[in-house]
């Protein structure tokens, strides 16, 4: 799975560089979230701008990251979902769980990290 991570203003940006986030690659994303949190990361921003399709496994990986970040006093927000991906969050009502921003810069600005 193509994942790019970088630290920006105390936040860790995880850019998913795949067209699909599904059962074939969601486990790797889940593992990456855990590793980043275990290494001391607290505030994760997931850039979904390259993702055109997400299934229940992909949603589950994001939920797992959200839960693990929250348990550590951190956060996980989403940035740049394509319309089809955004529709899945709305259909499953996960848009009520996640903070979802149209662009990465808005997601980064949303969290005041000290």
PDB file of N, CA and C in Angstrom:
ATOM      1  N   UNK A   1       0.838  -1.183   0.000  1.00  0.00           N
ATOM      2  CA  UNK A   1       0.000   0.000   0.000  1.00  0.00           C
ATOM      3  C   UNK A   1       0.877   1.239   0.000  1.00  0.00           C
ATOM      4  N   UNK A   2       0.488   2.212  -0.783  1.00  0.00           N
ATOM      5  CA  UNK A   2       1.247   3.457  -0.846  1.00  0.00           C
ATOM      6  C   UNK A   2       0.708   4.434   0.191  1.00  0.00           C
ATOM      7  N   UNK A   3       1.497   4.641   1.241  1.00  0.00           N
ATOM      8  CA  UNK A   3       1.166   5.590   2.294  1.00  0.00           C
ATOM      9  C   UNK A   3       2.330   6.544   2.460  1.00  0.00           C
ATOM     10  N   UNK A   4       2.032   7.818   2.542  1.00  0.00           N
ATOM     11  CA  UNK A   4       3.059   8.816   2.802  1.00  0.00           C
ATOM     12  C   UNK A   4       2.742   9.455   4.140  1.00  0.00           C
ATOM     13  N   UNK A   5       3.731   9.516   5.016  1.00  0.00           N
ATOM     14  CA  UNK A   5       3.516  10.178   6.296  1.00  0.00           C
ATOM     15  C   UNK A   5       4.514  11.309   6.453  1.00  0.00           C
ATOM     16  N   UNK A   6       4.032  12.388   7.025  1.00  0.00           N
ATOM     17  CA  UNK A   6       4.908  13.513   7.322  1.00  0.00           C
ATOM     18  C   UNK A   6       4.344  14.278   8.504  1.00  0.00           C
ATOM     19  N   UNK A   7       5.232  14.865   9.267  1.00  0.00           N
ATOM     20  CA  UNK A   7       4.826  15.661  10.418  1.00  0.00           C
ATOM     21  C   UNK A   7       4.680  17.102   9.970  1.00  0.00           C
ATOM     22  N   UNK A   8       3.592  17.728  10.397  1.00  0.00           N
ATOM     23  CA  UNK A   8       3.335  19.103  10.018  1.00  0.00           C
ATOM     24  C   UNK A   8       2.662  19.814  11.184  1.00  0.00           C
ATOM     25  N   UNK A   9       3.351  20.782  11.791  1.00  0.00           N
ATOM     26  CA  UNK A   9       2.812  21.563  12.899  1.00  0.00           C
ATOM     27  C   UNK A   9       2.302  20.686  14.043  1.00  0.00           C
ATOM     28  N   UNK A  10       3.052  19.678  14.414  1.00  0.00           N
ATOM     29  CA  UNK A  10       2.667  18.819  15.527  1.00  0.00           C
ATOM     30  C   UNK A  10       1.616  17.779  15.182  1.00  0.00           C
ATOM     31  N   UNK A  11       1.243  17.707  13.919  1.00  0.00           N
ATOM     32  CA  UNK A  11       0.261  16.733  13.465  1.00  0.00           C
ATOM     33  C   UNK A  11       0.948  15.796  12.474  1.00  0.00           C
ATOM     34  N   UNK A  12       0.432  14.591  12.380  1.00  0.00           N
ATOM     35  CA  UNK A  12       0.990  13.643  11.424  1.00  0.00           C
ATOM     36  C   UNK A  12      -0.016  13.458  10.296  1.00  0.00           C
ATOM     37  N   UNK A  13       0.434  13.793   9.098  1.00  0.00           N
ATOM     38  CA  UNK A  13      -0.402  13.624   7.915  1.00  0.00           C
ATOM     39  C   UNK A  13      -0.116  12.242   7.338  1.00  0.00           C
ATOM     40  N   UNK A  14      -1.171  11.450   7.189  1.00  0.00           N
ATOM     41  CA  UNK A  14      -1.074  10.139   6.560  1.00  0.00           C
ATOM     42  C   UNK A  14      -1.828  10.243   5.234  1.00  0.00           C
ATOM     43  N   UNK A  15      -1.080  10.296   4.147  1.00  0.00           N
ATOM     44  CA  UNK A  15      -1.692  10.413   2.819  1.00  0.00           C
ATOM     45  C   UNK A  15      -1.825   9.020   2.208  1.00  0.00           C
ATOM     46  N   UNK A  16      -3.060   8.630   1.939  1.00  0.00           N
ATOM     47  CA  UNK A  16      -3.338   7.339   1.310  1.00  0.00           C
ATOM     48  C   UNK A  16      -3.245   7.551  -0.192  1.00  0.00           C
ATOM     49  N   UNK A  17      -2.233   6.988  -0.818  1.00  0.00           N
ATOM     50  CA  UNK A  17      -1.997   7.161  -2.254  1.00  0.00           C
ATOM     51  C   UNK A  17      -2.447   5.928  -3.033  1.00  0.00           C
ATOM     52  N   UNK A  18      -3.662   5.525  -2.780  1.00  0.00           N
ATOM     53  CA  UNK A  18      -4.284   4.379  -3.453  1.00  0.00           C
ATOM     54  C   UNK A  18      -5.652   4.820  -3.942  1.00  0.00           C
ATOM     55  N   UNK A  19      -6.128   4.225  -5.032  1.00  0.00           N
ATOM     56  CA  UNK A  19      -7.472   4.539  -5.521  1.00  0.00           C
ATOM     57  C   UNK A  19      -8.534   3.837  -4.692  1.00  0.00           C
ATOM     58  N   UNK A  20      -8.164   2.704  -4.084  1.00  0.00           N
ATOM     59  CA  UNK A  20      -9.123   1.920  -3.303  1.00  0.00           C
ATOM     60  C   UNK A  20      -8.608   1.704  -1.885  1.00  0.00           C
ATOM     61  N   UNK A  21      -9.505   1.839  -0.931  1.00  0.00           N
ATOM     62  CA  UNK A  21      -9.200   1.511   0.452  1.00  0.00           C
ATOM     63  C   UNK A  21     -10.207   0.430   0.823  1.00  0.00           C
ATOM     64  N   UNK A  22      -9.727  -0.828   0.780  1.00  0.00           N
ATOM     65  CA  UNK A  22     -10.639  -1.958   0.921  1.00  0.00           C
ATOM     66  C   UNK A  22      -9.978  -3.102   1.687  1.00  0.00           C
ATOM     67  N   UNK A  23     -10.593  -4.266   1.633  1.00  0.00           N
ATOM     68  CA  UNK A  23     -10.113  -5.422   2.395  1.00  0.00           C
ATOM     69  C   UNK A  23      -8.676  -5.795   2.045  1.00  0.00           C
ATOM     70  N   UNK A  24      -8.227  -5.473   0.846  1.00  0.00           N
ATOM     71  CA  UNK A  24      -6.876  -5.856   0.426  1.00  0.00           C
ATOM     72  C   UNK A  24      -5.779  -5.017   1.065  1.00  0.00           C
ATOM     73  N   UNK A  25      -6.097  -3.789   1.475  1.00  0.00           N
ATOM     74  CA  UNK A  25      -5.033  -2.934   1.993  1.00  0.00           C
ATOM     75  C   UNK A  25      -5.365  -2.225   3.307  1.00  0.00           C
ATOM     76  N   UNK A  26      -6.577  -2.386   3.802  1.00  0.00           N
ATOM     77  CA  UNK A  26      -6.968  -1.651   5.007  1.00  0.00           C
ATOM     78  C   UNK A  26      -6.186  -2.093   6.252  1.00  0.00           C
ATOM     79  N   UNK A  27      -5.781  -3.354   6.301  1.00  0.00           N
ATOM     80  CA  UNK A  27      -5.001  -3.839   7.440  1.00  0.00           C
ATOM     81  C   UNK A  27      -3.685  -3.097   7.585  1.00  0.00           C
ATOM     82  N   UNK A  28      -3.070  -2.790   6.460  1.00  0.00           N
ATOM     83  CA  UNK A  28      -1.802  -2.067   6.490  1.00  0.00           C
ATOM     84  C   UNK A  28      -1.993  -0.641   7.032  1.00  0.00           C
ATOM     85  N   UNK A  29      -3.103  -0.012   6.655  1.00  0.00           N
ATOM     86  CA  UNK A  29      -3.400   1.333   7.160  1.00  0.00           C
ATOM     87  C   UNK A  29      -3.634   1.285   8.672  1.00  0.00           C
ATOM     88  N   UNK A  30      -4.380   0.305   9.110  1.00  0.00           N
ATOM     89  CA  UNK A  30      -4.651   0.119  10.539  1.00  0.00           C
ATOM     90  C   UNK A  30      -3.338  -0.058  11.309  1.00  0.00           C
ATOM     91  N   UNK A  31      -2.448  -0.874  10.781  1.00  0.00           N
ATOM     92  CA  UNK A  31      -1.142  -1.092  11.413  1.00  0.00           C
ATOM     93  C   UNK A  31      -0.324   0.197  11.466  1.00  0.00           C
ATOM     94  N   UNK A  32      -0.386   0.987  10.390  1.00  0.00           N
ATOM     95  CA  UNK A  32       0.374   2.245  10.350  1.00  0.00           C
ATOM     96  C   UNK A  32      -0.130   3.198  11.432  1.00  0.00           C
ATOM     97  N   UNK A  33      -1.458   3.294  11.577  1.00  0.00           N
ATOM     98  CA  UNK A  33      -2.011   4.143  12.629  1.00  0.00           C
ATOM     99  C   UNK A  33      -1.486   3.717  13.998  1.00  0.00           C
ATOM    100  N   UNK A  34      -1.548   2.425  14.282  1.00  0.00           N
ATOM    101  CA  UNK A  34      -1.082   1.923  15.578  1.00  0.00           C
ATOM    102  C   UNK A  34       0.386   2.251  15.813  1.00  0.00           C
ATOM    103  N   UNK A  35       1.202   2.037  14.783  1.00  0.00           N
ATOM    104  CA  UNK A  35       2.641   2.303  14.919  1.00  0.00           C
ATOM    105  C   UNK A  35       2.884   3.792  15.199  1.00  0.00           C
ATOM    106  N   UNK A  36       2.206   4.659  14.468  1.00  0.00           N
ATOM    107  CA  UNK A  36       2.396   6.099  14.664  1.00  0.00           C
ATOM    108  C   UNK A  36       1.982   6.526  16.068  1.00  0.00           C
ATOM    109  N   UNK A  37       0.886   5.977  16.547  1.00  0.00           N
ATOM    110  CA  UNK A  37       0.414   6.314  17.889  1.00  0.00           C
ATOM    111  C   UNK A  37       1.344   5.756  18.956  1.00  0.00           C
ATOM    112  N   UNK A  38       1.852   4.550  18.751  1.00  0.00           N
ATOM    113  CA  UNK A  38       2.792   3.957  19.703  1.00  0.00           C
ATOM    114  C   UNK A  38       4.111   4.722  19.740  1.00  0.00           C
ATOM    115  N   UNK A  39       4.457   5.367  18.621  1.00  0.00           N
ATOM    116  CA  UNK A  39       5.689   6.151  18.553  1.00  0.00           C
ATOM    117  C   UNK A  39       5.509   7.559  19.112  1.00  0.00           C
ATOM    118  N   UNK A  40       4.320   7.846  19.632  1.00  0.00           N
ATOM    119  CA  UNK A  40       4.099   9.141  20.272  1.00  0.00           C
ATOM    120  C   UNK A  40       3.247  10.117  19.489  1.00  0.00           C
ATOM    121  N   UNK A  41       2.830   9.754  18.295  1.00  0.00           N
ATOM    122  CA  UNK A  41       1.933  10.621  17.533  1.00  0.00           C
ATOM    123  C   UNK A  41       0.598  10.729  18.242  1.00  0.00           C
ATOM    124  N   UNK A  42      -0.011  11.876  18.201  1.00  0.00           N
ATOM    125  CA  UNK A  42      -1.300  12.050  18.869  1.00  0.00           C
ATOM    126  C   UNK A  42      -2.381  12.536  17.909  1.00  0.00           C
ATOM    127  N   UNK A  43      -2.015  13.436  17.026  1.00  0.00           N
ATOM    128  CA  UNK A  43      -3.005  14.057  16.147  1.00  0.00           C
ATOM    129  C   UNK A  43      -2.735  13.640  14.703  1.00  0.00           C
ATOM    130  N   UNK A  44      -3.635  12.810  14.182  1.00  0.00           N
ATOM    131  CA  UNK A  44      -3.478  12.280  12.827  1.00  0.00           C
ATOM    132  C   UNK A  44      -4.464  12.952  11.884  1.00  0.00           C
ATOM    133  N   UNK A  45      -3.969  13.298  10.703  1.00  0.00           N
ATOM    134  CA  UNK A  45      -4.807  13.829   9.633  1.00  0.00           C
ATOM    135  C   UNK A  45      -4.659  12.870   8.461  1.00  0.00           C
ATOM    136  N   UNK A  46      -5.762  12.262   8.042  1.00  0.00           N
ATOM    137  CA  UNK A  46      -5.722  11.282   6.958  1.00  0.00           C
ATOM    138  C   UNK A  46      -6.185  11.943   5.675  1.00  0.00           C
ATOM    139  N   UNK A  47      -5.260  12.033   4.721  1.00  0.00           N
ATOM    140  CA  UNK A  47      -5.546  12.625   3.412  1.00  0.00           C
ATOM    141  C   UNK A  47      -6.109  11.532   2.501  1.00  0.00           C
ATOM    142  N   UNK A  48      -7.392  11.648   2.185  1.00  0.00           N
ATOM    143  CA  UNK A  48      -8.076  10.653   1.350  1.00  0.00           C
ATOM    144  C   UNK A  48      -8.290  11.142  -0.075  1.00  0.00           C
ATOM    145  N   UNK A  49      -7.614  12.193  -0.486  1.00  0.00           N
ATOM    146  CA  UNK A  49      -7.892  12.809  -1.786  1.00  0.00           C
ATOM    147  C   UNK A  49      -7.621  11.890  -2.976  1.00  0.00           C
ATOM    148  N   UNK A  50      -6.792  10.877  -2.825  1.00  0.00           N
ATOM    149  CA  UNK A  50      -6.508   9.948  -3.927  1.00  0.00           C
ATOM    150  C   UNK A  50      -7.463   8.757  -3.965  1.00  0.00           C
ATOM    151  N   UNK A  51      -8.242   8.576  -2.901  1.00  0.00           N
ATOM    152  CA  UNK A  51      -9.106   7.398  -2.765  1.00  0.00           C
ATOM    153  C   UNK A  51     -10.437   7.633  -3.486  1.00  0.00           C
ATOM    154  N   UNK A  52     -10.760   6.731  -4.422  1.00  0.00           N
ATOM    155  CA  UNK A  52     -12.023   6.823  -5.161  1.00  0.00           C
ATOM    156  C   UNK A  52     -13.062   5.827  -4.672  1.00  0.00           C
ATOM    157  N   UNK A  53     -12.616   4.823  -3.892  1.00  0.00           N
ATOM    158  CA  UNK A  53     -13.522   3.777  -3.419  1.00  0.00           C
ATOM    159  C   UNK A  53     -13.112   3.354  -2.022  1.00  0.00           C
ATOM    160  N   UNK A  54     -14.104   3.185  -1.148  1.00  0.00           N
ATOM    161  CA  UNK A  54     -13.842   2.683   0.198  1.00  0.00           C
ATOM    162  C   UNK A  54     -14.941   1.686   0.550  1.00  0.00           C
ATOM    163  N   UNK A  55     -14.550   0.574   1.177  1.00  0.00           N
ATOM    164  CA  UNK A  55     -15.551  -0.410   1.606  1.00  0.00           C
ATOM    165  C   UNK A  55     -15.564  -0.475   3.130  1.00  0.00           C
ATOM    166  N   UNK A  56     -16.302  -1.448   3.661  1.00  0.00           N
ATOM    167  CA  UNK A  56     -16.449  -1.547   5.114  1.00  0.00           C
ATOM    168  C   UNK A  56     -15.113  -1.802   5.808  1.00  0.00           C
ATOM    169  N   UNK A  57     -14.206  -2.512   5.158  1.00  0.00           N
ATOM    170  CA  UNK A  57     -12.889  -2.757   5.752  1.00  0.00           C
ATOM    171  C   UNK A  57     -12.097  -1.453   5.870  1.00  0.00           C
ATOM    172  N   UNK A  58     -12.177  -0.637   4.845  1.00  0.00           N
ATOM    173  CA  UNK A  58     -11.508   0.666   4.879  1.00  0.00           C
ATOM    174  C   UNK A  58     -12.088   1.564   5.949  1.00  0.00           C
ATOM    175  N   UNK A  59     -13.420   1.570   6.043  1.00  0.00           N
ATOM    176  CA  UNK A  59     -14.078   2.352   7.084  1.00  0.00           C
ATOM    177  C   UNK A  59     -13.674   1.841   8.463  1.00  0.00           C
ATOM    178  N   UNK A  60     -13.585   0.511   8.595  1.00  0.00           N
ATOM    179  CA  UNK A  60     -13.178  -0.092   9.860  1.00  0.00           C
ATOM    180  C   UNK A  60     -11.771   0.300  10.268  1.00  0.00           C
ATOM    181  N   UNK A  61     -10.862   0.373   9.310  1.00  0.00           N
ATOM    182  CA  UNK A  61      -9.481   0.770   9.604  1.00  0.00           C
ATOM    183  C   UNK A  61      -9.441   2.213  10.109  1.00  0.00           C
ATOM    184  N   UNK A  62     -10.219   3.085   9.469  1.00  0.00           N
ATOM    185  CA  UNK A  62     -10.268   4.478   9.901  1.00  0.00           C
ATOM    186  C   UNK A  62     -10.890   4.589  11.296  1.00  0.00           C
ATOM    187  N   UNK A  63     -11.941   3.820  11.535  1.00  0.00           N
ATOM    188  CA  UNK A  63     -12.581   3.822  12.864  1.00  0.00           C
ATOM    189  C   UNK A  63     -11.622   3.328  13.940  1.00  0.00           C
ATOM    190  N   UNK A  64     -10.863   2.304  13.627  1.00  0.00           N
ATOM    191  CA  UNK A  64      -9.882   1.769  14.562  1.00  0.00           C
ATOM    192  C   UNK A  64      -8.844   2.841  14.909  1.00  0.00           C
ATOM    193  N   UNK A  65      -8.348   3.536  13.894  1.00  0.00           N
ATOM    194  CA  UNK A  65      -7.389   4.615  14.132  1.00  0.00           C
ATOM    195  C   UNK A  65      -7.979   5.721  14.979  1.00  0.00           C
ATOM    196  N   UNK A  66      -9.227   6.068  14.688  1.00  0.00           N
ATOM    197  CA  UNK A  66      -9.930   7.108  15.446  1.00  0.00           C
ATOM    198  C   UNK A  66     -10.044   6.711  16.920  1.00  0.00           C
ATOM    199  N   UNK A  67     -10.468   5.478  17.144  1.00  0.00           N
ATOM    200  CA  UNK A  67     -10.654   4.976  18.513  1.00  0.00           C
ATOM    201  C   UNK A  67      -9.320   4.946  19.266  1.00  0.00           C
ATOM    202  N   UNK A  68      -8.284   4.433  18.628  1.00  0.00           N
ATOM    203  CA  UNK A  68      -6.976   4.350  19.280  1.00  0.00           C
ATOM    204  C   UNK A  68      -6.394   5.729  19.565  1.00  0.00           C
ATOM    205  N   UNK A  69      -6.572   6.662  18.644  1.00  0.00           N
ATOM    206  CA  UNK A  69      -6.082   8.029  18.871  1.00  0.00           C
ATOM    207  C   UNK A  69      -6.844   8.673  20.029  1.00  0.00           C
ATOM    208  N   UNK A  70      -8.153   8.497  20.046  1.00  0.00           N
ATOM    209  CA  UNK A  70      -8.986   9.077  21.110  1.00  0.00           C
ATOM    210  C   UNK A  70      -8.608   8.526  22.478  1.00  0.00           C
ATOM    211  N   UNK A  71      -8.352   7.216  22.544  1.00  0.00           N
ATOM    212  CA  UNK A  71      -7.975   6.592  23.816  1.00  0.00           C
ATOM    213  C   UNK A  71      -6.648   7.122  24.339  1.00  0.00           C
ATOM    214  N   UNK A  72      -5.826   7.650  23.451  1.00  0.00           N
ATOM    215  CA  UNK A  72      -4.522   8.196  23.857  1.00  0.00           C
ATOM    216  C   UNK A  72      -4.580   9.716  24.025  1.00  0.00           C
ATOM    217  N   UNK A  73      -5.778  10.269  24.026  1.00  0.00           N
ATOM    218  CA  UNK A  73      -5.932  11.713  24.179  1.00  0.00           C
ATOM    219  C   UNK A  73      -5.652  12.479  22.906  1.00  0.00           C
ATOM    220  N   UNK A  74      -5.671  11.792  21.784  1.00  0.00           N
ATOM    221  CA  UNK A  74      -5.380  12.433  20.505  1.00  0.00           C
ATOM    222  C   UNK A  74      -6.612  12.538  19.635  1.00  0.00           C
ATOM    223  N   UNK A  75      -6.368  12.655  18.338  1.00  0.00           N
ATOM    224  CA  UNK A  75      -7.469  12.814  17.397  1.00  0.00           C
ATOM    225  C   UNK A  75      -7.085  12.245  16.040  1.00  0.00           C
ATOM    226  N   UNK A  76      -8.109  11.985  15.244  1.00  0.00           N
ATOM    227  CA  UNK A  76      -7.918  11.569  13.857  1.00  0.00           C
ATOM    228  C   UNK A  76      -9.016  12.251  13.058  1.00  0.00           C
ATOM    229  N   UNK A  77      -8.598  13.078  12.099  1.00  0.00           N
ATOM    230  CA  UNK A  77      -9.557  13.752  11.229  1.00  0.00           C
ATOM    231  C   UNK A  77      -9.262  13.364   9.782  1.00  0.00           C
ATOM    232  N   UNK A  78     -10.248  13.560   8.926  1.00  0.00           N
ATOM    233  CA  UNK A  78     -10.136  13.174   7.520  1.00  0.00           C
ATOM    234  C   UNK A  78     -10.130  14.407   6.630  1.00  0.00           C
ATOM    235  N   UNK A  79      -9.374  14.307   5.535  1.00  0.00           N
ATOM    236  CA  UNK A  79      -9.278  15.438   4.613  1.00  0.00           C
ATOM    237  C   UNK A  79      -9.434  14.978   3.172  1.00  0.00           C
ATOM    238  N   UNK A  80     -10.144  15.785   2.401  1.00  0.00           N
ATOM    239  CA  UNK A  80     -10.198  15.643   0.959  1.00  0.00           C
ATOM    240  C   UNK A  80     -10.881  14.434   0.371  1.00  0.00           C
ATOM    241  N   UNK A  81     -11.931  13.888   1.002  1.00  0.00           N
ATOM    242  CA  UNK A  81     -12.552  12.712   0.384  1.00  0.00           C
ATOM    243  C   UNK A  81     -13.250  13.067  -0.932  1.00  0.00           C
ATOM    244  N   UNK A  82     -13.126  12.184  -1.911  1.00  0.00           N
ATOM    245  CA  UNK A  82     -13.835  12.335  -3.177  1.00  0.00           C
ATOM    246  C   UNK A  82     -15.338  12.186  -2.908  1.00  0.00           C
ATOM    247  N   UNK A  83     -16.189  12.705  -3.785  1.00  0.00           N
ATOM    248  CA  UNK A  83     -17.642  12.641  -3.555  1.00  0.00           C
ATOM    249  C   UNK A  83     -18.166  11.232  -3.278  1.00  0.00           C
ATOM    250  N   UNK A  84     -17.673  10.245  -3.992  1.00  0.00           N
ATOM    251  CA  UNK A  84     -18.139   8.872  -3.794  1.00  0.00           C
ATOM    252  C   UNK A  84     -17.759   8.341  -2.409  1.00  0.00           C
ATOM    253  N   UNK A  85     -16.556   8.689  -1.966  1.00  0.00           N
ATOM    254  CA  UNK A  85     -16.090   8.273  -0.642  1.00  0.00           C
ATOM    255  C   UNK A  85     -16.870   9.025   0.434  1.00  0.00           C
ATOM    256  N   UNK A  86     -17.065  10.311   0.226  1.00  0.00           N
ATOM    257  CA  UNK A  86     -17.839  11.125   1.176  1.00  0.00           C
ATOM    258  C   UNK A  86     -19.256  10.548   1.325  1.00  0.00           C
ATOM    259  N   UNK A  87     -19.821  10.095   0.211  1.00  0.00           N
ATOM    260  CA  UNK A  87     -21.168   9.512   0.235  1.00  0.00           C
ATOM    261  C   UNK A  87     -21.218   8.269   1.120  1.00  0.00           C
ATOM    262  N   UNK A  88     -20.157   7.472   1.137  1.00  0.00           N
ATOM    263  CA  UNK A  88     -20.117   6.286   2.000  1.00  0.00           C
ATOM    264  C   UNK A  88     -20.145   6.678   3.478  1.00  0.00           C
ATOM    265  N   UNK A  89     -19.442   7.753   3.819  1.00  0.00           N
ATOM    266  CA  UNK A  89     -19.470   8.225   5.204  1.00  0.00           C
ATOM    267  C   UNK A  89     -20.870   8.688   5.578  1.00  0.00           C
ATOM    268  N   UNK A  90     -21.538   9.340   4.655  1.00  0.00           N
ATOM    269  CA  UNK A  90     -22.899   9.815   4.924  1.00  0.00           C
ATOM    270  C   UNK A  90     -23.877   8.650   4.999  1.00  0.00           C
ATOM    271  N   UNK A  91     -23.740   7.691   4.091  1.00  0.00           N
ATOM    272  CA  UNK A  91     -24.619   6.523   4.071  1.00  0.00           C
ATOM    273  C   UNK A  91     -24.528   5.733   5.380  1.00  0.00           C
ATOM    274  N   UNK A  92     -23.327   5.588   5.887  1.00  0.00           N
ATOM    275  CA  UNK A  92     -23.104   4.829   7.129  1.00  0.00           C
ATOM    276  C   UNK A  92     -23.204   5.710   8.375  1.00  0.00           C
ATOM    277  N   UNK A  93     -23.449   6.988   8.148  1.00  0.00           N
ATOM    278  CA  UNK A  93     -23.549   7.994   9.212  1.00  0.00           C
ATOM    279  C   UNK A  93     -22.242   8.183   9.983  1.00  0.00           C
ATOM    280  N   UNK A  94     -21.142   7.727   9.397  1.00  0.00           N
ATOM    281  CA  UNK A  94     -19.846   7.940  10.041  1.00  0.00           C
ATOM    282  C   UNK A  94     -19.392   9.395   9.923  1.00  0.00           C
ATOM    283  N   UNK A  95     -20.084  10.167   9.077  1.00  0.00           N
ATOM    284  CA  UNK A  95     -19.791  11.602   9.014  1.00  0.00           C
ATOM    285  C   UNK A  95     -20.156  12.284  10.342  1.00  0.00           C
ATOM    286  N   UNK A  96     -20.914  11.586  11.188  1.00  0.00           N
ATOM    287  CA  UNK A  96     -21.236  12.101  12.520  1.00  0.00           C
ATOM    288  C   UNK A  96     -20.158  11.752  13.537  1.00  0.00           C
ATOM    289  N   UNK A  97     -19.312  10.814  13.188  1.00  0.00           N
ATOM    290  CA  UNK A  97     -18.212  10.388  14.068  1.00  0.00           C
ATOM    291  C   UNK A  97     -16.943  11.177  13.743  1.00  0.00           C
ATOM    292  N   UNK A  98     -16.608  11.217  12.460  1.00  0.00           N
ATOM    293  CA  UNK A  98     -15.366  11.857  12.007  1.00  0.00           C
ATOM    294  C   UNK A  98     -15.570  13.333  11.714  1.00  0.00           C
ATOM    295  N   UNK A  99     -14.536  14.115  11.970  1.00  0.00           N
ATOM    296  CA  UNK A  99     -14.474  15.468  11.437  1.00  0.00           C
ATOM    297  C   UNK A  99     -13.876  15.317  10.040  1.00  0.00           C
ATOM    298  N   UNK A 100     -14.620  15.762   9.039  1.00  0.00           N
ATOM    299  CA  UNK A 100     -14.218  15.596   7.646  1.00  0.00           C
ATOM    300  C   UNK A 100     -14.099  16.976   7.003  1.00  0.00           C
ATOM    301  N   UNK A 101     -12.945  17.241   6.418  1.00  0.00           N
ATOM    302  CA  UNK A 101     -12.671  18.541   5.811  1.00  0.00           C
ATOM    303  C   UNK A 101     -12.441  18.392   4.308  1.00  0.00           C
ATOM    304  N   UNK A 102     -12.907  19.360   3.529  1.00  0.00           N
ATOM    305  CA  UNK A 102     -12.764  19.260   2.069  1.00  0.00           C
ATOM    306  C   UNK A 102     -11.310  19.261   1.598  1.00  0.00           C
ATOM    307  N   UNK A 103     -10.448  19.979   2.337  1.00  0.00           N
ATOM    308  CA  UNK A 103      -9.047  20.086   1.924  1.00  0.00           C
ATOM    309  C   UNK A 103      -8.107  19.846   3.106  1.00  0.00           C
ATOM    310  N   UNK A 104      -6.917  19.387   2.786  1.00  0.00           N
ATOM    311  CA  UNK A 104      -5.910  19.079   3.798  1.00  0.00           C
ATOM    312  C   UNK A 104      -5.599  20.285   4.667  1.00  0.00           C
ATOM    313  N   UNK A 105      -5.424  21.443   4.057  1.00  0.00           N
ATOM    314  CA  UNK A 105      -5.064  22.635   4.843  1.00  0.00           C
ATOM    315  C   UNK A 105      -6.126  22.981   5.870  1.00  0.00           C
ATOM    316  N   UNK A 106      -7.400  22.768   5.526  1.00  0.00           N
ATOM    317  CA  UNK A 106      -8.480  23.032   6.475  1.00  0.00           C
ATOM    318  C   UNK A 106      -8.425  22.049   7.637  1.00  0.00           C
ATOM    319  N   UNK A 107      -8.106  20.812   7.346  1.00  0.00           N
ATOM    320  CA  UNK A 107      -8.001  19.794   8.401  1.00  0.00           C
ATOM    321  C   UNK A 107      -6.844  20.150   9.342  1.00  0.00           C
ATOM    322  N   UNK A 108      -5.720  20.563   8.770  1.00  0.00           N
ATOM    323  CA  UNK A 108      -4.571  20.928   9.601  1.00  0.00           C
ATOM    324  C   UNK A 108      -4.883  22.137  10.474  1.00  0.00           C
ATOM    325  N   UNK A 109      -5.602  23.107   9.932  1.00  0.00           N
ATOM    326  CA  UNK A 109      -5.934  24.319  10.672  1.00  0.00           C
ATOM    327  C   UNK A 109      -6.983  24.059  11.749  1.00  0.00           C
ATOM    328  N   UNK A 110      -7.733  22.977  11.619  1.00  0.00           N
ATOM    329  CA  UNK A 110      -8.835  22.704  12.548  1.00  0.00           C
ATOM    330  C   UNK A 110      -8.361  22.294  13.940  1.00  0.00           C
ATOM    331  N   UNK A 111      -7.168  21.778  14.028  1.00  0.00           N
ATOM    332  CA  UNK A 111      -6.667  21.255  15.294  1.00  0.00           C
ATOM    333  C   UNK A 111      -5.593  22.187  15.843  1.00  0.00           C
ATOM    334  N   UNK A 112      -5.847  22.708  17.017  1.00  0.00           N
ATOM    335  CA  UNK A 112      -4.817  23.514  17.649  1.00  0.00           C
ATOM    336  C   UNK A 112      -3.955  22.576  18.487  1.00  0.00           C
ATOM    337  N   UNK A 113      -2.744  22.408  18.059  1.00  0.00           N
ATOM    338  CA  UNK A 113      -1.826  21.491  18.722  1.00  0.00           C
ATOM    339  C   UNK A 113      -0.763  22.314  19.426  1.00  0.00           C
ATOM    340  N   UNK A 114      -0.632  22.048  20.725  1.00  0.00           N
ATOM    341  CA  UNK A 114       0.328  22.826  21.494  1.00  0.00           C
ATOM    342  C   UNK A 114       1.614  22.122  21.711  1.00  0.00           C
TER     343      UNK A 114
END
